[in-house]
N, C-alpha and C. Protein backbone atom coordinates (compact mmCIF):
# COMPACT_ATOMS: atom_id res chain seq x y z
N MET A 1 4.40 101.76 -68.36
CA MET A 1 3.08 102.62 -67.89
C MET A 1 3.10 102.87 -69.78
N THR A 2 1.48 102.78 -69.16
CA THR A 2 0.43 102.86 -70.41
C THR A 2 0.17 104.39 -71.00
N THR A 3 -0.10 104.89 -71.88
CA THR A 3 0.14 106.40 -71.64
C THR A 3 -1.82 106.56 -71.96
N PRO A 4 -2.26 107.68 -71.35
CA PRO A 4 -3.96 107.57 -71.40
C PRO A 4 -4.96 107.51 -72.76
N THR A 5 -5.17 108.02 -73.58
CA THR A 5 -6.22 107.95 -74.69
C THR A 5 -6.23 109.19 -74.42
N ILE A 6 -6.33 109.62 -74.88
CA ILE A 6 -7.85 111.95 -74.74
C ILE A 6 -8.16 111.24 -75.31
N ALA A 7 -10.24 111.76 -74.88
CA ALA A 7 -11.55 111.31 -74.32
C ALA A 7 -12.06 112.35 -75.09
N GLN A 8 -11.73 113.54 -74.78
CA GLN A 8 -11.90 114.96 -75.61
C GLN A 8 -10.97 115.65 -74.92
N LYS A 9 -10.70 116.98 -75.79
CA LYS A 9 -10.24 118.07 -74.60
C LYS A 9 -11.09 119.32 -74.54
N SER A 10 -11.77 118.38 -73.80
CA SER A 10 -13.03 119.57 -73.06
C SER A 10 -13.11 118.69 -72.05
N PRO A 11 -14.33 118.70 -70.49
CA PRO A 11 -15.42 118.55 -69.62
C PRO A 11 -15.77 118.20 -70.10
N TYR A 12 -15.94 116.70 -68.67
CA TYR A 12 -17.71 116.81 -68.53
C TYR A 12 -18.25 116.73 -67.14
N ALA A 13 -19.20 117.73 -68.16
CA ALA A 13 -20.52 118.54 -67.20
C ALA A 13 -21.69 117.22 -66.57
N VAL A 14 -20.95 117.24 -65.26
CA VAL A 14 -22.00 115.95 -64.52
C VAL A 14 -22.65 116.24 -63.91
N GLU A 15 -24.02 115.96 -63.62
CA GLU A 15 -25.17 116.10 -62.57
C GLU A 15 -24.60 114.84 -61.44
N VAL A 16 -23.89 115.10 -60.25
CA VAL A 16 -23.89 113.83 -58.93
C VAL A 16 -24.24 114.04 -58.31
N GLU A 17 -24.43 113.47 -57.59
CA GLU A 17 -25.18 113.45 -55.92
C GLU A 17 -24.49 112.71 -55.17
N GLU A 18 -25.58 114.11 -53.50
CA GLU A 18 -23.90 113.94 -52.45
C GLU A 18 -24.10 112.81 -52.13
N GLY A 19 -22.55 112.31 -51.29
CA GLY A 19 -21.97 110.98 -50.81
C GLY A 19 -22.40 109.03 -52.27
N LYS A 20 -22.83 110.13 -53.21
CA LYS A 20 -22.77 108.86 -54.24
C LYS A 20 -21.49 108.55 -54.60
N SER A 21 -20.70 107.87 -55.48
CA SER A 21 -19.10 106.92 -55.99
C SER A 21 -19.81 106.75 -56.93
N TYR A 22 -18.89 108.15 -58.01
CA TYR A 22 -18.75 107.79 -59.21
C TYR A 22 -17.29 107.59 -59.32
N TRP A 23 -17.19 106.53 -60.49
CA TRP A 23 -15.36 106.10 -61.08
C TRP A 23 -15.59 106.48 -62.75
N TRP A 24 -14.48 107.58 -62.14
CA TRP A 24 -14.43 107.71 -63.17
C TRP A 24 -12.92 106.76 -63.81
N CYS A 25 -13.71 106.76 -64.98
CA CYS A 25 -12.30 106.41 -66.69
C CYS A 25 -10.72 107.45 -66.29
N ALA A 26 -9.46 106.17 -65.28
CA ALA A 26 -8.45 107.51 -66.51
C ALA A 26 -7.72 106.36 -67.55
N CYS A 27 -8.53 105.74 -67.99
CA CYS A 27 -7.67 105.85 -68.96
C CYS A 27 -7.70 105.62 -70.57
N GLY A 28 -9.05 106.21 -70.64
CA GLY A 28 -9.84 107.28 -72.39
C GLY A 28 -10.18 106.25 -72.44
N ARG A 29 -10.33 104.94 -72.49
CA ARG A 29 -11.36 104.18 -73.86
C ARG A 29 -12.12 103.37 -73.45
N SER A 30 -13.00 103.61 -71.74
CA SER A 30 -13.96 103.75 -71.77
C SER A 30 -15.27 104.02 -73.05
N GLN A 31 -15.63 103.22 -73.31
CA GLN A 31 -17.29 103.63 -74.28
C GLN A 31 -18.51 104.34 -73.70
N ASN A 32 -18.30 104.75 -72.41
CA ASN A 32 -19.24 105.77 -71.34
C ASN A 32 -18.80 106.36 -70.27
N GLN A 33 -17.40 107.50 -71.65
CA GLN A 33 -16.97 107.48 -70.87
C GLN A 33 -18.13 109.40 -69.29
N PRO A 34 -17.62 110.15 -69.16
CA PRO A 34 -16.42 109.78 -68.25
C PRO A 34 -16.22 108.76 -67.34
N PHE A 35 -16.99 107.39 -67.55
CA PHE A 35 -17.04 106.87 -66.39
C PHE A 35 -16.49 105.66 -66.79
N CYS A 36 -15.78 104.88 -65.70
CA CYS A 36 -15.35 103.78 -66.20
C CYS A 36 -16.21 102.37 -66.76
N ASP A 37 -15.90 102.10 -67.91
CA ASP A 37 -15.80 100.83 -68.31
C ASP A 37 -15.72 98.89 -68.27
N GLY A 38 -14.55 99.07 -67.90
CA GLY A 38 -13.93 98.00 -67.51
C GLY A 38 -12.79 98.09 -68.55
N SER A 39 -12.70 99.34 -69.72
CA SER A 39 -11.48 99.51 -70.50
C SER A 39 -10.59 99.05 -70.19
N HIS A 40 -10.55 98.90 -69.26
CA HIS A 40 -8.51 99.19 -68.85
C HIS A 40 -7.55 97.95 -68.95
N GLN A 41 -9.13 97.22 -68.64
CA GLN A 41 -7.87 95.95 -68.17
C GLN A 41 -6.34 95.37 -69.90
N GLY A 42 -5.98 94.85 -69.16
CA GLY A 42 -4.82 95.50 -69.50
C GLY A 42 -4.16 95.62 -69.36
N THR A 43 -4.03 97.17 -68.80
CA THR A 43 -2.70 97.69 -68.89
C THR A 43 -2.91 98.35 -67.73
N ASP A 44 -2.07 99.38 -67.02
CA ASP A 44 -1.25 99.92 -66.06
C ASP A 44 -2.13 101.32 -65.25
N ILE A 45 -3.40 101.16 -65.72
CA ILE A 45 -4.30 102.40 -65.43
C ILE A 45 -5.06 101.86 -64.65
N SER A 46 -5.93 102.45 -63.84
CA SER A 46 -6.97 101.54 -62.85
C SER A 46 -8.11 103.42 -62.53
N PRO A 47 -9.53 103.10 -62.12
CA PRO A 47 -10.38 103.89 -62.12
C PRO A 47 -10.10 104.56 -61.02
N VAL A 48 -10.56 106.05 -60.52
CA VAL A 48 -10.44 106.17 -59.64
C VAL A 48 -11.60 106.94 -59.08
N GLU A 49 -11.35 106.93 -58.02
CA GLU A 49 -13.15 106.57 -57.75
C GLU A 49 -13.11 108.58 -57.17
N TYR A 50 -14.52 108.96 -57.48
CA TYR A 50 -14.79 110.32 -56.84
C TYR A 50 -16.04 110.21 -56.00
N LYS A 51 -16.03 111.06 -54.46
CA LYS A 51 -17.47 110.18 -53.44
C LYS A 51 -18.11 111.98 -54.07
N ALA A 52 -19.25 112.25 -53.94
CA ALA A 52 -19.88 113.48 -54.90
C ALA A 52 -20.04 114.08 -52.67
N ASP A 53 -19.14 114.84 -52.38
CA ASP A 53 -19.77 116.07 -51.19
C ASP A 53 -20.75 116.54 -51.20
N LYS A 54 -21.45 117.00 -52.10
CA LYS A 54 -23.01 117.88 -52.25
C LYS A 54 -23.67 117.36 -53.60
N THR A 55 -24.25 118.15 -53.99
CA THR A 55 -25.31 117.05 -54.32
C THR A 55 -24.49 119.01 -55.47
N GLY A 56 -24.78 118.60 -57.38
CA GLY A 56 -24.43 119.41 -58.16
C GLY A 56 -23.69 119.03 -59.48
N THR A 57 -24.23 120.49 -60.62
CA THR A 57 -22.53 120.38 -61.33
C THR A 57 -21.01 119.77 -61.42
N VAL A 58 -20.21 118.96 -61.27
CA VAL A 58 -19.30 118.83 -61.45
C VAL A 58 -18.46 118.23 -62.23
N HIS A 59 -16.95 119.08 -63.05
CA HIS A 59 -16.57 119.31 -64.46
C HIS A 59 -15.48 117.42 -63.92
N PHE A 60 -15.97 116.67 -64.65
CA PHE A 60 -15.43 115.98 -64.93
C PHE A 60 -13.81 115.77 -66.46
N CYS A 61 -12.39 114.96 -65.02
CA CYS A 61 -11.58 115.28 -67.01
C CYS A 61 -11.93 115.05 -68.43
N GLY A 62 -11.46 115.15 -69.33
CA GLY A 62 -11.74 114.16 -70.30
C GLY A 62 -10.15 114.68 -71.25
N CYS A 63 -9.19 114.30 -70.71
CA CYS A 63 -7.93 114.99 -71.52
C CYS A 63 -7.48 114.09 -70.72
N LYS A 64 -7.80 113.21 -69.86
CA LYS A 64 -7.22 112.05 -69.16
C LYS A 64 -5.70 112.87 -68.39
N HIS A 65 -4.72 114.38 -68.60
CA HIS A 65 -4.02 115.08 -68.31
C HIS A 65 -4.17 115.20 -67.00
N SER A 66 -5.54 116.20 -66.66
CA SER A 66 -5.64 116.35 -64.44
C SER A 66 -5.01 116.16 -64.19
N GLY A 67 -4.27 117.36 -63.43
CA GLY A 67 -3.40 117.32 -61.67
C GLY A 67 -4.49 117.15 -60.61
N LYS A 68 -5.42 117.05 -61.04
CA LYS A 68 -6.34 116.99 -60.21
C LYS A 68 -7.24 115.10 -59.64
N GLY A 69 -6.19 114.59 -60.44
CA GLY A 69 -7.41 113.05 -60.25
C GLY A 69 -9.00 113.50 -61.29
N ALA A 70 -9.56 112.86 -60.88
CA ALA A 70 -10.89 112.83 -62.04
C ALA A 70 -11.32 114.26 -62.28
N LEU A 71 -11.47 115.39 -61.73
CA LEU A 71 -11.85 117.03 -62.13
C LEU A 71 -10.52 117.55 -63.02
N CYS A 72 -11.53 118.07 -64.11
CA CYS A 72 -10.92 118.66 -64.67
C CYS A 72 -9.94 119.96 -63.99
N ASP A 73 -8.76 120.61 -64.58
CA ASP A 73 -7.98 121.54 -64.21
C ASP A 73 -7.05 122.22 -65.34
N GLY A 74 -8.17 121.63 -66.41
CA GLY A 74 -7.82 122.80 -67.80
C GLY A 74 -6.29 121.97 -68.36
N SER A 75 -6.17 120.72 -68.38
CA SER A 75 -5.33 120.59 -68.43
C SER A 75 -5.43 120.83 -70.22
N HIS A 76 -6.19 120.32 -70.25
CA HIS A 76 -6.40 119.71 -72.10
C HIS A 76 -6.25 121.87 -73.35
N LYS A 77 -6.19 122.03 -72.30
CA LYS A 77 -5.64 123.66 -72.50
C LYS A 77 -4.05 123.66 -73.53
N LYS A 78 -3.58 122.76 -72.91
CA LYS A 78 -2.34 122.74 -73.21
C LYS A 78 -1.78 121.85 -73.65
N LEU A 79 -2.60 120.77 -74.48
CA LEU A 79 -2.45 119.92 -75.53
C LEU A 79 -2.31 119.36 -76.53
C-alpha cells in the first residue's frame, strides 16, 4: 500500500456550497491541495468525494491521516 504524502500539518479551511461535490486529495501529491489533480495515478490511493450537506466552511485534512476521511480530525497534532 502506498503511504500518503503529508501536504501540510494543519487543515485547509474551505468554503463549500450545499449539494456540490468536492474531490479531496488523499495521496498528498496534488498541486491543487486539498483537492485532487490526478497526481495519485500510479498509486493505490484514490481521491475521496465530499458532498457538502450545507453551505459554509469545512476543514479538509491536510496531513492525509484523518480517521474522518476528507475532513480533519486533529490527527496532524500526533505527527
